[in-house]
C-alpha atoms as a PDB file:
ATOM      1  CA  ILE A   1      54.515 -13.972  14.176  1.00  0.00           C
ATOM      2  CA  MET A   2      56.496 -14.412  17.350  1.00  0.00           C
ATOM      3  CA  LYS A   3      57.931 -11.289  18.812  1.00  0.00           C
ATOM      4  CA  LYS A   4      61.558 -11.071  19.737  1.00  0.00           C
ATOM      5  CA  ALA A   5      62.048 -11.482  23.809  1.00  0.00           C
ATOM      6  CA  LYS A   6      63.616  -8.263  24.523  1.00  0.00           C
ATOM      7  CA  LYS A   7      66.509  -8.246  26.657  1.00  0.00           C
ATOM      8  CA  ALA A   8      65.910  -6.801  29.857  1.00  0.00           C
ATOM      9  CA  PRO A   9      67.757  -3.991  30.544  1.00  0.00           C
ATOM     10  CA  LYS A  10      71.135  -4.374  32.238  1.00  0.00           C
ATOM     11  CA  LYS A  11      70.903  -2.602  35.226  1.00  0.00           C
ATOM     12  CA  LYS A  12      72.946   0.613  35.799  1.00  0.00           C
ATOM     13  CA  SER A  13      75.272   0.012  38.832  1.00  0.00           C
ATOM     14  CA  PRO A  14      74.754   3.218  40.866  1.00  0.00           C
ATOM     15  CA  ARG A  15      77.223   5.936  40.016  1.00  0.00           C
ATOM     16  CA  LYS A  16      80.002   6.082  42.827  1.00  0.00           C
ATOM     17  CA  LYS A  17      78.993  10.124  43.787  1.00  0.00           C
ATOM     18  CA  ALA A  18      82.350  11.464  44.545  1.00  0.00           C
ATOM     19  CA  VAL A  19      81.508  11.832  48.324  1.00  0.00           C
ATOM     20  CA  GLU A  20      83.600  13.981  50.476  1.00  0.00           C
ATOM     21  CA  MET A  21      85.620  12.330  52.560  1.00  0.00           C
ATOM     22  CA  PRO A  22      85.249  14.066  56.299  1.00  0.00           C
ATOM     23  CA  ALA A  23      88.628  15.322  56.774  1.00  0.00           C
ATOM     24  CA  GLU A  24      90.503  12.571  59.444  1.00  0.00           C
ATOM     25  CA  PRO A  25      89.952  14.527  62.675  1.00  0.00           C
ATOM     26  CA  GLU A  26      93.547  14.775  63.856  1.00  0.00           C
ATOM     27  CA  ILE A  27      94.413  12.307  65.907  1.00  0.00           C
ATOM     28  CA  THR A  28      95.583  13.971  69.286  1.00  0.00           C
ATOM     29  CA  VAL A  29      97.059  11.692  71.883  1.00  0.00           C
ATOM     30  CA  ALA A  30      93.876   9.466  72.532  1.00  0.00           C
ATOM     31  CA  THR A  31      92.970  10.863  76.120  1.00  0.00           C
ATOM     32  CA  LYS A  32      92.076   8.555  78.617  1.00  0.00           C
ATOM     33  CA  GLU A  33      89.570   9.247  81.445  1.00  0.00           C
ATOM     34  CA  LEU A  34      87.955   7.598  83.701  1.00  0.00           C
ATOM     35  CA  VAL A  35      84.165   7.127  82.942  1.00  0.00           C
ATOM     36  CA  ARG A  36      81.364   5.756  85.371  1.00  0.00           C
ATOM     37  CA  VAL A  37      78.153   4.008  83.063  1.00  0.00           C
ATOM     38  CA  VAL A  38      75.450   4.382  84.748  1.00  0.00           C
ATOM     39  CA  GLY A  39      72.625   3.160  82.424  1.00  0.00           C
ATOM     40  CA  ASP A  40      71.622   2.876  78.685  1.00  0.00           C
ATOM     41  CA  TRP A  41      70.966   5.322  75.714  1.00  0.00           C
ATOM     42  CA  GLN A  42      68.756   4.811  73.069  1.00  0.00           C
ATOM     43  CA  ASN A  43      70.270   1.835  72.611  1.00  0.00           C
ATOM     44  CA  PRO A  44      72.773  -0.874  74.239  1.00  0.00           C
ATOM     45  CA  ILE A  45      75.986  -0.207  72.737  1.00  0.00           C
ATOM     46  CA  TRP A  46      75.630   3.461  74.028  1.00  0.00           C
ATOM     47  CA  LYS A  47      75.537   3.870  77.568  1.00  0.00           C
ATOM     48  CA  LYS A  48      75.179   6.766  79.929  1.00  0.00           C
ATOM     49  CA  GLY A  49      77.931   7.648  81.476  1.00  0.00           C
ATOM     50  CA  VAL A  50      79.513  10.592  84.046  1.00  0.00           C
ATOM     51  CA  THR A  51      82.821  11.471  83.810  1.00  0.00           C
ATOM     52  CA  GLU A  52      84.893  11.868  86.719  1.00  0.00           C
ATOM     53  CA  SER A  53      83.366  15.733  86.823  1.00  0.00           C
ATOM     54  CA  GLY A  54      80.340  14.682  87.271  1.00  0.00           C
ATOM     55  CA  ASP A  55      79.078  15.525  83.376  1.00  0.00           C
ATOM     56  CA  ALA A  56      76.421  13.034  81.898  1.00  0.00           C
ATOM     57  CA  CYS A  57      78.185  11.706  78.604  1.00  0.00           C
ATOM     58  CA  LYS A  58      77.786   9.012  76.093  1.00  0.00           C
ATOM     59  CA  VAL A  59      79.835   5.734  75.669  1.00  0.00           C
ATOM     60  CA  ARG A  60      80.411   3.870  73.104  1.00  0.00           C
ATOM     61  CA  VAL A  61      80.920   0.457  73.957  1.00  0.00           C
ATOM     62  CA  PRO A  62      80.823  -2.976  72.109  1.00  0.00           C
ATOM     63  CA  LYS A  63      77.714  -4.617  72.091  1.00  0.00           C
ATOM     64  CA  ARG A  64      78.881  -8.123  73.789  1.00  0.00           C
ATOM     65  CA  ASP A  65      80.284  -6.159  76.456  1.00  0.00           C
ATOM     66  CA  THR A  66      77.120  -4.068  77.380  1.00  0.00           C
ATOM     67  CA  ASN A  67      76.146  -5.757  80.591  1.00  0.00           C
ATOM     68  CA  ARG A  68      78.952  -6.552  82.614  1.00  0.00           C
ATOM     69  CA  LEU A  69      79.994  -2.635  82.531  1.00  0.00           C
ATOM     70  CA  ARG A  70      76.715  -1.170  84.196  1.00  0.00           C
ATOM     71  CA  ASN A  71      77.740   0.600  87.195  1.00  0.00           C
ATOM     72  CA  LYS A  72      81.541   0.102  86.653  1.00  0.00           C
ATOM     73  CA  VAL A  73      84.040   2.694  86.594  1.00  0.00           C
ATOM     74  CA  VAL A  74      85.867   2.203  83.087  1.00  0.00           C
ATOM     75  CA  GLU A  75      88.996   3.912  81.496  1.00  0.00           C
ATOM     76  CA  CYS A  76      87.345   5.669  77.998  1.00  0.00           C
ATOM     77  CA  GLU A  77      88.854   7.368  75.291  1.00  0.00           C
ATOM     78  CA  ARG A  78      87.650  10.567  74.474  1.00  0.00           C
ATOM     79  CA  VAL A  79      86.027  11.264  70.891  1.00  0.00           C
ATOM     80  CA  ASP A  80      85.641  14.537  69.816  1.00  0.00           C
ATOM     81  CA  GLU A  81      83.206  14.853  66.338  1.00  0.00           C
ATOM     82  CA  SER A  82      81.677  17.822  64.853  1.00  0.00           C
ATOM     83  CA  ASN A  83      78.083  16.389  66.308  1.00  0.00           C
ATOM     84  CA  GLY A  84      79.945  16.119  70.084  1.00  0.00           C
ATOM     85  CA  THR A  85      81.901  14.309  71.990  1.00  0.00           C
ATOM     86  CA  TYR A  86      81.983  10.703  73.263  1.00  0.00           C
ATOM     87  CA  TYR A  87      83.692   8.490  74.641  1.00  0.00           C
ATOM     88  CA  LYS A  88      84.987   5.113  73.627  1.00  0.00           C
ATOM     89  CA  TYR A  89      85.497   1.358  75.341  1.00  0.00           C
ATOM     90  CA  THR A  90      88.045  -0.677  73.714  1.00  0.00           C
ATOM     91  CA  PRO A  91      88.353  -3.566  76.319  1.00  0.00           C
END
């Protein structure tokens, strides 16, 4: 007597956990600041920058623009997050 083949158990779709959406950071007027890009940080998208006041900062750059910004002074938008501040360059 052949055993009936069992159907493969249906994959339960992972329950969407109620993710607490982080509250939108209050969008203040994006402060544009001039930042000098000086080198890489951890990976190519993050650059090391120096603000006009001489502080080191992180600059986030679209990957395709990473190489042509080296040692340039660019206008960046300041982004304040809970874990720190960085500057975002949007061409």
